[in-house]
Amino acid sequence: MGVPAFSVVIVRSVIHVIGGGLAGPEAAMQAARSGHPVRLYEMRPARPTPAHQTNNLGELVCSNSLKTETPYSAPWLLKEELRRMGSLCLNVADRVRVPGGHALAVDREAFAEAVTASIEQEALIEVVRDEVTEIPLDDIVVVASGPLTSDALAASIVRLTGRERLFFFDAISPIVDAETINREVVFQASRYGKSVNDGGDYLNCPFTREQYERFYMALTEAQQHRGHDFDNPNYFEGCLPIEEIARRGVDTLRFGPMKPVGLRDPRTGESFYAVVQLRQEDMRADSYNLVGFQNHLKYGEQKRILRLIPGLERAEFLRYGQIHRNTYINAPALLTGSLHLRSHPNIFFAGQLSGVEGYVESIATGLMAGRNATRLADGADPLTWPRPTAHGSLAAYISGANPDNYQPANITFDLLPPLPPEEASRHRLDKKARRRRQCQRGLEELSCFLEAHAPVAS
């Protein structure tokens, strides 16, 4: 008899990912692609949240926009880096995009369904529909439970970090039924003509001065929802409710979500005192969200006041605006540039819980945390992305901002390092050229980084 052949079975560590929003599925897919089994926990539907409406992974709760696609802008750089690293969520977003001017807007239902299908079809990922109430300290974990982290898990994070959790308040914009929009009043156009459609990517509700002042007065006098969480709200400045903006002055809305600049009715050439923009929600174009119109008004008040918007006089709303509490940790006091806890190198944080603001920023931190979790499982040191990249700049902010005044951040050129003095001097009179070069440098650094640290599936 011959000697029996034996196959060597390599048992790989299970990576635990907590949270099924954007960062969690991205982290899970990155780990699975490297050959690691992943257990992805999502508490819905066993434990619903105040903001989610489905049980899908990757549900976009607020806007359906993943920010600008204008080349050589900071958000463009972050998305371009994600595409070059094979991001699950960016790939899905590109497949289900809807008209959004210079922004990457998506059909939110199709997006979530596609993310869910991708995760459920990946053989190495087990989706566990249950609430995690305690972080497993002996395993490799990516905590990406998001801004609506349950109280039990938040308490576990407090015990783990030894610090009180932080919070701020975030808001959701209303969605209107497309069939109830008065097309004789609204006009189709994009600001400054920046559009992927010939007719423009937005529907625009135009105001005269008299109409604006009537709307403004009704808004400032409207009744809000109240509750113990809202006695001293700590709003994130990038997502203020419209009634809070209005309280800062009669013209603040006209310089914010209702700014009319760059918009003219193509039918008449007329410009207006103020404009509310409606952005397509899905590929069927049967619903639109009111851009920047997040609020915390009572639902009856919302219906009454939003119907004062020209073109929405008989509007039916599929979803009203909401405000919810968002939880995030004091990351600079707790995390390294590789996104793991200084006190527990096997525990990573990603997404809005780490203190980034925005869908794409959440995806980016999920990708970094997922890849670093696999390196740790393989016995290698976690990586820090190059500082000139958008990913590296986000991680540097998360781990290096002032912990005494930590605020959630989107990717901006303020986070990217400046050009070296010799380069800056060549571009000092042209900000556009300077920023273009910053983006080019980031992509060059990313290419070298990926070549040196390419993940190997096994």
Protein backbone atom coordinates (compact mmCIF):
# COMPACT_ATOMS: atom_id res chain seq x y z
CA MET A 1 0.00 0.00 0.00
CA GLY A 2 1.10 3.45 -0.70
CA VAL A 3 1.42 6.14 1.92
CA PRO A 4 -1.94 7.93 2.32
CA ALA A 5 -1.99 11.54 1.22
CA PHE A 6 -3.02 14.12 3.74
CA SER A 7 -4.19 17.62 2.92
CA VAL A 8 -3.19 20.44 5.18
CA VAL A 9 -6.17 22.41 6.47
CA ILE A 10 -5.38 25.93 7.57
CA VAL A 11 -7.84 27.22 10.16
CA ARG A 12 -7.96 30.98 10.01
CA SER A 13 -9.12 33.33 12.75
CA VAL A 14 -12.69 34.55 12.50
CA ILE A 15 -12.87 38.34 12.25
CA HIS A 16 -15.89 39.82 13.97
CA VAL A 17 -17.47 42.90 12.40
CA ILE A 18 -20.18 44.69 14.38
CA GLY A 19 -22.56 46.81 12.31
CA GLY A 20 -24.27 46.47 8.94
CA GLY A 21 -24.27 50.06 7.74
CA LEU A 22 -21.54 51.12 5.31
CA ALA A 23 -18.28 50.65 7.21
CA GLY A 24 -19.22 47.18 8.47
CA PRO A 25 -20.01 45.53 5.12
CA GLU A 26 -16.96 47.18 3.55
CA ALA A 27 -14.70 45.87 6.34
CA ALA A 28 -16.28 42.42 6.12
CA MET A 29 -15.79 42.16 2.36
CA GLN A 30 -12.18 43.34 2.53
CA ALA A 31 -11.42 40.67 5.14
CA ALA A 32 -13.25 37.94 3.22
CA ARG A 33 -11.40 38.77 0.01
CA SER A 34 -8.16 38.10 1.90
CA GLY A 35 -9.41 34.62 2.73
CA HIS A 36 -10.57 35.21 6.30
CA PRO A 37 -13.90 33.99 7.67
CA VAL A 38 -15.99 36.89 8.91
CA ARG A 39 -18.94 37.06 11.26
CA LEU A 40 -20.91 40.25 10.47
CA TYR A 41 -23.41 41.29 13.15
CA GLU A 42 -26.43 43.48 12.42
CA MET A 43 -29.07 43.93 15.10
CA ARG A 44 -31.93 44.73 12.72
CA PRO A 45 -34.66 43.40 12.57
CA ALA A 46 -34.33 41.95 16.08
CA ARG A 47 -33.60 45.44 17.37
CA PRO A 48 -34.86 48.30 15.13
CA THR A 49 -33.49 51.85 15.16
CA PRO A 50 -35.34 55.18 15.10
CA ALA A 51 -34.02 56.01 11.62
CA HIS A 52 -33.77 52.84 9.53
CA GLN A 53 -36.75 51.75 7.48
CA THR A 54 -35.54 48.37 6.16
CA ASN A 55 -33.48 45.42 7.32
CA ASN A 56 -31.00 45.75 4.46
CA LEU A 57 -27.30 46.19 4.98
CA GLY A 58 -25.90 49.46 3.62
CA GLU A 59 -29.15 51.40 4.07
CA LEU A 60 -28.60 55.12 3.45
CA VAL A 61 -30.51 56.85 6.21
CA CYS A 62 -30.04 60.52 5.37
CA SER A 63 -29.24 61.80 1.87
CA ASN A 64 -28.79 59.60 -1.19
CA SER A 65 -25.73 61.59 -2.28
CA LEU A 66 -22.14 60.41 -1.92
CA LYS A 67 -20.88 63.95 -2.54
CA THR A 68 -19.18 65.57 -5.50
CA GLU A 69 -17.53 63.79 -8.42
CA THR A 70 -15.82 66.99 -9.60
CA PRO A 71 -12.29 65.91 -10.56
CA TYR A 72 -9.49 66.93 -8.20
CA SER A 73 -11.79 67.84 -5.34
CA ALA A 74 -11.11 66.23 -1.94
CA PRO A 75 -14.29 64.04 -2.03
CA TRP A 76 -13.36 62.95 -5.56
CA LEU A 77 -9.91 61.92 -4.36
CA LEU A 78 -11.37 59.81 -1.55
CA LYS A 79 -13.74 58.03 -3.95
CA GLU A 80 -11.02 57.54 -6.56
CA GLU A 81 -8.79 55.92 -3.94
CA LEU A 82 -11.63 53.61 -2.91
CA ARG A 83 -12.22 52.59 -6.51
CA ARG A 84 -8.54 51.78 -6.95
CA MET A 85 -8.65 49.61 -3.83
CA GLY A 86 -11.69 47.65 -5.01
CA SER A 87 -14.26 49.05 -2.60
CA LEU A 88 -17.48 47.03 -2.46
CA CYS A 89 -19.66 50.05 -1.68
CA LEU A 90 -18.20 52.35 -4.36
CA ASN A 91 -18.59 49.63 -6.95
CA VAL A 92 -22.26 49.28 -6.02
CA ALA A 93 -22.76 53.06 -5.97
CA ASP A 94 -21.39 53.38 -9.49
CA ARG A 95 -23.79 50.69 -10.69
CA VAL A 96 -26.95 52.23 -9.20
CA ARG A 97 -26.26 55.94 -9.62
CA VAL A 98 -29.06 58.36 -10.49
CA PRO A 99 -28.83 61.92 -11.83
CA GLY A 100 -27.28 64.22 -9.24
CA GLY A 101 -25.43 66.97 -11.08
CA HIS A 102 -21.78 66.86 -10.12
CA ALA A 103 -22.57 64.51 -7.20
CA LEU A 104 -22.58 60.72 -7.06
CA ALA A 105 -26.23 60.17 -6.14
CA VAL A 106 -27.66 56.66 -5.91
CA ASP A 107 -30.94 54.81 -5.86
CA ARG A 108 -30.88 54.14 -2.13
CA GLU A 109 -33.14 51.05 -2.30
CA ALA A 110 -31.12 49.46 -5.11
CA PHE A 111 -27.88 50.36 -3.33
CA ALA A 112 -28.84 48.65 -0.07
CA GLU A 113 -30.24 45.60 -1.85
CA ALA A 114 -27.02 45.19 -3.86
CA VAL A 115 -24.77 45.58 -0.80
CA THR A 116 -26.89 43.03 1.07
CA ALA A 117 -26.81 40.57 -1.82
CA SER A 118 -23.02 40.91 -2.19
CA ILE A 119 -22.44 40.19 1.48
CA GLU A 120 -24.92 37.31 1.68
CA GLN A 121 -23.43 35.66 -1.42
CA GLU A 122 -19.88 35.76 -0.05
CA ALA A 123 -19.17 32.26 1.27
CA LEU A 124 -16.70 33.46 3.92
CA ILE A 125 -19.14 35.92 5.51
CA GLU A 126 -21.75 34.78 8.03
CA VAL A 127 -24.41 37.41 8.72
CA VAL A 128 -25.71 37.23 12.29
CA ARG A 129 -28.96 39.10 12.89
CA ASP A 130 -28.59 39.81 16.58
CA GLU A 131 -27.58 42.64 18.88
CA VAL A 132 -24.05 42.58 20.24
CA THR A 133 -24.13 43.80 23.82
CA GLU A 134 -20.51 43.12 24.75
CA ILE A 135 -17.37 43.48 22.64
CA PRO A 136 -15.42 40.17 22.62
CA LEU A 137 -12.04 41.24 23.98
CA ASP A 138 -10.09 38.15 22.94
CA ASP A 139 -11.05 38.23 19.24
CA ILE A 140 -10.15 40.47 16.32
CA VAL A 141 -13.06 42.90 16.09
CA VAL A 142 -14.09 45.80 13.88
CA VAL A 143 -16.64 47.94 15.71
CA ALA A 144 -18.68 49.78 13.07
CA SER A 145 -22.06 49.93 14.78
CA GLY A 146 -22.64 53.48 13.58
CA PRO A 147 -24.23 56.60 15.00
CA LEU A 148 -27.24 54.65 16.28
CA THR A 149 -25.22 52.23 18.39
CA SER A 150 -27.51 50.55 20.90
CA ASP A 151 -27.35 51.58 24.54
CA ALA A 152 -26.05 48.16 25.61
CA LEU A 153 -23.19 48.16 23.12
CA ALA A 154 -22.40 51.81 23.88
CA ALA A 155 -22.13 50.87 27.56
CA SER A 156 -19.67 48.13 26.60
CA ILE A 157 -17.62 50.67 24.65
CA VAL A 158 -17.55 52.96 27.69
CA ARG A 159 -16.34 50.10 29.89
CA LEU A 160 -13.71 49.22 27.31
CA THR A 161 -12.38 52.73 26.74
CA GLY A 162 -12.88 54.13 30.21
CA ARG A 163 -14.32 57.31 28.75
CA GLU A 164 -17.80 58.68 28.45
CA ARG A 165 -19.26 58.49 24.95
CA LEU A 166 -19.83 61.66 22.99
CA PHE A 167 -22.85 62.48 20.93
CA PHE A 168 -24.24 65.02 18.53
CA PHE A 169 -27.55 65.31 16.74
CA ASP A 170 -28.04 64.49 13.07
CA ALA A 171 -31.05 64.91 10.82
CA ILE A 172 -32.91 63.38 7.87
CA SER A 173 -34.45 65.22 4.92
CA PRO A 174 -38.07 64.68 3.80
CA ILE A 175 -38.94 62.70 0.64
CA VAL A 176 -41.83 63.72 -1.64
CA ASP A 177 -43.90 61.61 -4.05
CA ALA A 178 -42.90 62.65 -7.58
CA GLU A 179 -46.48 62.48 -8.86
CA THR A 180 -47.56 65.21 -6.44
CA ILE A 181 -44.98 67.79 -7.58
CA ASN A 182 -46.44 70.65 -9.64
CA ARG A 183 -44.33 70.49 -12.83
CA GLU A 184 -45.82 73.75 -14.11
CA VAL A 185 -44.12 75.59 -11.25
CA VAL A 186 -40.84 73.73 -10.72
CA PHE A 187 -38.10 73.77 -13.35
CA GLN A 188 -35.38 71.28 -14.21
CA ALA A 189 -31.81 72.53 -13.98
CA SER A 190 -28.46 72.04 -12.26
CA ARG A 191 -26.50 74.81 -10.61
CA TYR A 192 -24.23 76.51 -13.17
CA GLY A 193 -25.34 73.90 -15.70
CA LYS A 194 -23.26 71.12 -14.11
CA SER A 195 -25.32 68.12 -15.11
CA VAL A 196 -25.15 64.59 -16.43
CA ASN A 197 -28.58 65.11 -18.02
CA ASP A 198 -29.35 67.51 -20.85
CA GLY A 199 -32.22 69.06 -18.93
CA GLY A 200 -30.50 69.27 -15.55
CA ASP A 201 -30.36 66.85 -12.64
CA TYR A 202 -32.53 68.68 -10.09
CA LEU A 203 -36.08 69.90 -9.87
CA ASN A 204 -36.08 73.46 -8.52
CA CYS A 205 -38.84 75.15 -6.54
CA PRO A 206 -38.55 78.94 -7.13
CA PHE A 207 -39.44 81.62 -4.55
CA THR A 208 -40.27 85.29 -4.93
CA ARG A 209 -39.25 87.48 -2.01
CA GLU A 210 -42.83 87.52 -0.70
CA GLN A 211 -43.10 83.72 -0.87
CA TYR A 212 -39.76 83.32 0.89
CA GLU A 213 -40.67 85.67 3.74
CA ARG A 214 -43.97 83.84 4.27
CA PHE A 215 -42.16 80.51 4.35
CA TYR A 216 -39.48 81.87 6.70
CA MET A 217 -42.03 83.19 9.20
CA ALA A 218 -43.96 79.91 9.21
CA LEU A 219 -40.75 77.94 9.72
CA THR A 220 -39.47 79.99 12.65
CA GLU A 221 -42.85 79.79 14.40
CA ALA A 222 -43.36 76.04 13.81
CA GLN A 223 -43.66 73.48 16.61
CA GLN A 224 -40.78 71.05 17.09
CA HIS A 225 -40.64 67.56 18.51
CA ARG A 226 -39.40 67.64 22.08
CA GLY A 227 -37.86 65.06 24.36
CA HIS A 228 -35.28 64.74 27.10
CA ASP A 229 -32.47 64.18 24.56
CA PHE A 230 -33.17 67.54 22.91
CA ASP A 231 -32.87 69.87 25.89
CA ASN A 232 -29.31 70.86 24.93
CA PRO A 233 -28.78 69.58 21.39
CA ASN A 234 -25.19 69.41 20.13
CA TYR A 235 -25.80 69.65 16.38
CA PHE A 236 -23.13 68.85 13.84
CA GLU A 237 -22.60 72.11 11.91
CA GLY A 238 -22.54 70.33 8.55
CA CYS A 239 -26.06 68.94 9.02
CA LEU A 240 -28.09 71.59 10.82
CA PRO A 241 -31.89 71.38 10.74
CA ILE A 242 -33.45 74.10 8.61
CA GLU A 243 -35.28 75.68 11.54
CA GLU A 244 -31.96 76.04 13.38
CA ILE A 245 -30.40 77.71 10.32
CA ALA A 246 -33.40 80.04 10.04
CA ARG A 247 -33.01 81.18 13.67
CA ARG A 248 -29.59 82.59 12.80
CA GLY A 249 -31.06 85.27 10.56
CA VAL A 250 -33.67 85.94 7.92
CA ASP A 251 -31.24 85.42 5.02
CA THR A 252 -29.27 82.43 6.33
CA LEU A 253 -31.40 79.94 4.37
CA ARG A 254 -30.81 81.96 1.19
CA PHE A 255 -27.07 81.52 1.68
CA GLY A 256 -27.47 77.87 2.65
CA PRO A 257 -29.87 75.16 1.43
CA MET A 258 -32.09 77.69 -0.40
CA LYS A 259 -29.38 79.61 -2.23
CA PRO A 260 -30.54 80.67 -5.72
CA VAL A 261 -27.13 81.39 -7.27
CA GLY A 262 -26.34 79.59 -10.51
CA LEU A 263 -29.96 78.63 -11.17
CA ARG A 264 -32.25 80.01 -13.86
CA ASP A 265 -35.51 78.72 -15.24
CA PRO A 266 -34.54 77.47 -18.73
CA ARG A 267 -38.06 78.17 -19.92
CA THR A 268 -37.87 81.91 -19.20
CA GLY A 269 -34.26 82.70 -18.22
CA GLU A 270 -35.62 84.06 -14.93
CA SER A 271 -33.65 83.96 -11.68
CA PHE A 272 -35.23 83.88 -8.21
CA TYR A 273 -35.00 85.17 -4.66
CA ALA A 274 -34.56 81.65 -3.22
CA VAL A 275 -34.77 78.06 -4.48
CA VAL A 276 -35.41 74.64 -2.91
CA GLN A 277 -33.79 71.82 -4.87
CA LEU A 278 -35.30 68.33 -5.20
CA ARG A 279 -32.92 65.45 -5.93
CA GLN A 280 -34.04 62.19 -7.52
CA GLU A 281 -34.21 59.34 -5.00
CA ASP A 282 -34.24 56.29 -7.25
CA MET A 283 -33.73 55.17 -10.83
CA ARG A 284 -37.48 55.16 -11.43
CA ALA A 285 -37.63 58.87 -10.55
CA ASP A 286 -40.82 58.33 -8.55
CA SER A 287 -39.61 60.17 -5.46
CA TYR A 288 -37.39 63.15 -4.63
CA ASN A 289 -35.69 64.37 -1.46
CA LEU A 290 -35.60 68.02 -0.42
CA VAL A 291 -31.89 68.78 -0.53
CA GLY A 292 -30.58 70.12 2.79
CA PHE A 293 -34.06 70.21 4.35
CA GLN A 294 -33.45 68.02 7.38
CA ASN A 295 -35.59 69.21 10.29
CA HIS A 296 -37.08 68.34 13.64
CA LEU A 297 -40.59 69.70 13.21
CA LYS A 298 -43.74 67.82 14.15
CA TYR A 299 -45.04 65.86 11.18
CA GLY A 300 -48.23 67.91 10.90
CA GLU A 301 -46.17 71.09 10.92
CA GLN A 302 -43.84 69.71 8.25
CA LYS A 303 -46.75 68.96 5.94
CA ARG A 304 -48.22 72.44 6.44
CA ILE A 305 -44.96 74.36 6.06
CA LEU A 306 -43.38 72.33 3.26
CA ARG A 307 -46.53 72.82 1.21
CA LEU A 308 -45.71 76.54 1.26
CA ILE A 309 -42.83 75.72 -1.09
CA PRO A 310 -43.83 76.68 -4.67
CA GLY A 311 -44.52 73.51 -6.61
CA LEU A 312 -45.25 71.45 -3.49
CA GLU A 313 -48.69 72.93 -2.72
CA ARG A 314 -50.33 69.47 -2.93
CA ALA A 315 -47.28 67.38 -2.14
CA GLU A 316 -47.56 64.00 -0.47
CA PHE A 317 -44.56 63.07 1.64
CA LEU A 318 -43.22 59.52 1.68
CA ARG A 319 -40.97 60.34 4.61
CA TYR A 320 -40.84 63.33 6.92
CA GLY A 321 -37.70 64.88 8.33
CA GLN A 322 -36.27 63.50 11.55
CA ILE A 323 -33.48 64.11 14.02
CA HIS A 324 -31.72 61.37 15.93
CA ARG A 325 -28.81 61.15 18.33
CA ASN A 326 -25.50 60.06 16.78
CA THR A 327 -22.90 58.39 18.96
CA TYR A 328 -19.15 58.58 18.39
CA ILE A 329 -16.03 57.97 20.44
CA ASN A 330 -13.30 60.44 21.33
CA ALA A 331 -11.05 58.82 18.73
CA PRO A 332 -7.90 60.99 19.12
CA ALA A 333 -7.67 59.93 22.77
CA LEU A 334 -8.24 56.27 21.94
CA LEU A 335 -7.17 55.20 18.44
CA THR A 336 -3.92 54.85 16.52
CA GLY A 337 -3.51 55.85 12.90
CA SER A 338 -4.24 52.21 12.02
CA LEU A 339 -7.71 52.64 13.63
CA HIS A 340 -7.20 50.20 16.50
CA LEU A 341 -7.48 50.97 20.19
CA ARG A 342 -4.19 51.83 21.83
CA SER A 343 -5.24 49.77 24.83
CA HIS A 344 -6.52 46.79 22.76
CA PRO A 345 -4.66 46.42 19.42
CA ASN A 346 -7.08 43.69 18.31
CA ILE A 347 -10.10 46.02 18.37
CA PHE A 348 -10.64 48.43 15.47
CA PHE A 349 -13.20 51.21 15.08
CA ALA A 350 -14.64 52.43 11.80
CA GLY A 351 -17.45 54.51 10.35
CA GLN A 352 -19.29 57.36 12.02
CA LEU A 353 -18.66 55.80 15.42
CA SER A 354 -15.00 56.77 14.96
CA GLY A 355 -15.94 60.39 14.31
CA VAL A 356 -15.97 60.70 10.55
CA GLU A 357 -18.94 62.38 8.91
CA GLY A 358 -20.30 61.20 5.59
CA TYR A 359 -21.07 58.03 3.69
CA VAL A 360 -17.82 57.82 1.74
CA GLU A 361 -15.72 58.61 4.81
CA SER A 362 -17.46 55.75 6.63
CA ILE A 363 -16.75 53.39 3.73
CA ALA A 364 -13.09 54.48 3.71
CA THR A 365 -12.54 53.79 7.41
CA GLY A 366 -14.29 50.44 7.01
CA LEU A 367 -11.91 49.49 4.21
CA MET A 368 -8.85 50.45 6.26
CA ALA A 369 -10.08 48.68 9.40
CA GLY A 370 -11.03 45.55 7.46
CA ARG A 371 -7.65 45.30 5.75
CA ASN A 372 -5.78 45.94 8.99
CA ALA A 373 -7.84 43.34 10.83
CA THR A 374 -6.73 40.74 8.26
CA ARG A 375 -3.10 41.74 8.64
CA LEU A 376 -3.35 41.31 12.39
CA ALA A 377 -4.99 37.89 11.88
CA ASP A 378 -2.05 36.95 9.63
CA GLY A 379 0.47 37.98 12.28
CA ALA A 380 1.51 41.20 10.50
CA ASP A 381 1.45 44.73 11.81
CA PRO A 382 -1.51 46.94 10.85
CA LEU A 383 -0.76 49.65 8.30
CA THR A 384 -1.12 53.40 8.29
CA TRP A 385 -2.05 54.79 4.88
CA PRO A 386 0.32 57.43 3.43
CA ARG A 387 -0.40 60.87 4.80
CA PRO A 388 -0.84 62.55 1.36
CA THR A 389 -3.71 60.18 0.51
CA ALA A 390 -7.28 61.03 1.48
CA HIS A 391 -7.42 57.80 3.47
CA GLY A 392 -4.22 58.65 5.30
CA SER A 393 -5.45 62.17 6.02
CA LEU A 394 -8.72 60.89 7.45
CA ALA A 395 -6.89 58.41 9.68
CA ALA A 396 -4.47 61.13 10.78
CA TYR A 397 -7.40 63.37 11.77
CA ILE A 398 -9.18 60.58 13.65
CA SER A 399 -6.09 59.69 15.63
CA GLY A 400 -4.41 63.08 15.87
CA ALA A 401 -7.04 65.80 16.31
CA ASN A 402 -7.39 67.70 19.57
CA PRO A 403 -9.19 65.26 21.92
CA ASP A 404 -10.49 68.16 24.00
CA ASN A 405 -12.53 69.55 21.10
CA TYR A 406 -13.08 66.60 18.75
CA GLN A 407 -15.70 67.16 16.06
CA PRO A 408 -16.82 64.81 13.27
CA ALA A 409 -15.15 65.63 9.95
CA ASN A 410 -15.69 65.15 6.23
CA ILE A 411 -12.73 64.87 3.90
CA THR A 412 -11.55 68.35 2.90
CA PHE A 413 -8.33 69.88 1.61
CA ASP A 414 -7.80 71.19 5.14
CA LEU A 415 -7.11 67.60 6.22
CA LEU A 416 -4.67 66.91 3.38
CA PRO A 417 -1.04 67.94 3.96
CA PRO A 418 0.12 70.99 1.99
CA LEU A 419 2.50 70.65 -0.91
CA PRO A 420 6.22 70.93 -0.18
CA PRO A 421 7.41 74.57 -0.24
CA GLU A 422 9.16 74.19 -3.59
CA GLU A 423 5.97 72.87 -5.22
CA ALA A 424 3.71 75.32 -3.42
CA SER A 425 5.73 78.25 -4.71
CA ARG A 426 5.14 77.12 -8.29
CA HIS A 427 1.36 76.98 -7.71
CA ARG A 428 0.88 79.80 -5.20
CA LEU A 429 -1.17 81.94 -7.62
CA ASP A 430 -3.45 79.12 -8.76
CA LYS A 431 -5.41 77.28 -6.09
CA LYS A 432 -6.96 74.94 -8.66
CA ALA A 433 -3.53 73.81 -9.89
CA ARG A 434 -2.32 73.42 -6.32
CA ARG A 435 -5.25 71.19 -5.41
CA ARG A 436 -4.93 69.21 -8.60
CA ARG A 437 -1.33 68.49 -7.70
CA GLN A 438 -2.32 67.48 -4.14
CA CYS A 439 -4.73 64.93 -5.60
CA GLN A 440 -2.18 63.64 -8.09
CA ARG A 441 0.37 63.26 -5.30
CA GLY A 442 -2.18 61.35 -3.20
CA LEU A 443 -2.89 58.89 -6.00
CA GLU A 444 0.81 58.44 -6.72
CA GLU A 445 1.46 57.67 -3.04
CA LEU A 446 -1.47 55.25 -2.99
CA SER A 447 -0.12 53.35 -6.01
CA CYS A 448 3.26 52.86 -4.33
CA PHE A 449 1.57 51.87 -1.07
CA LEU A 450 -0.66 49.27 -2.75
CA GLU A 451 2.24 47.83 -4.69
CA ALA A 452 4.18 47.39 -1.46
CA HIS A 453 1.26 46.05 0.59
CA ALA A 454 -1.06 44.29 -1.85
CA PRO A 455 -3.51 42.01 0.02
CA VAL A 456 -3.06 38.38 -0.96
CA ALA A 457 -6.20 36.21 -1.08
CA SER A 458 -5.68 32.69 0.24
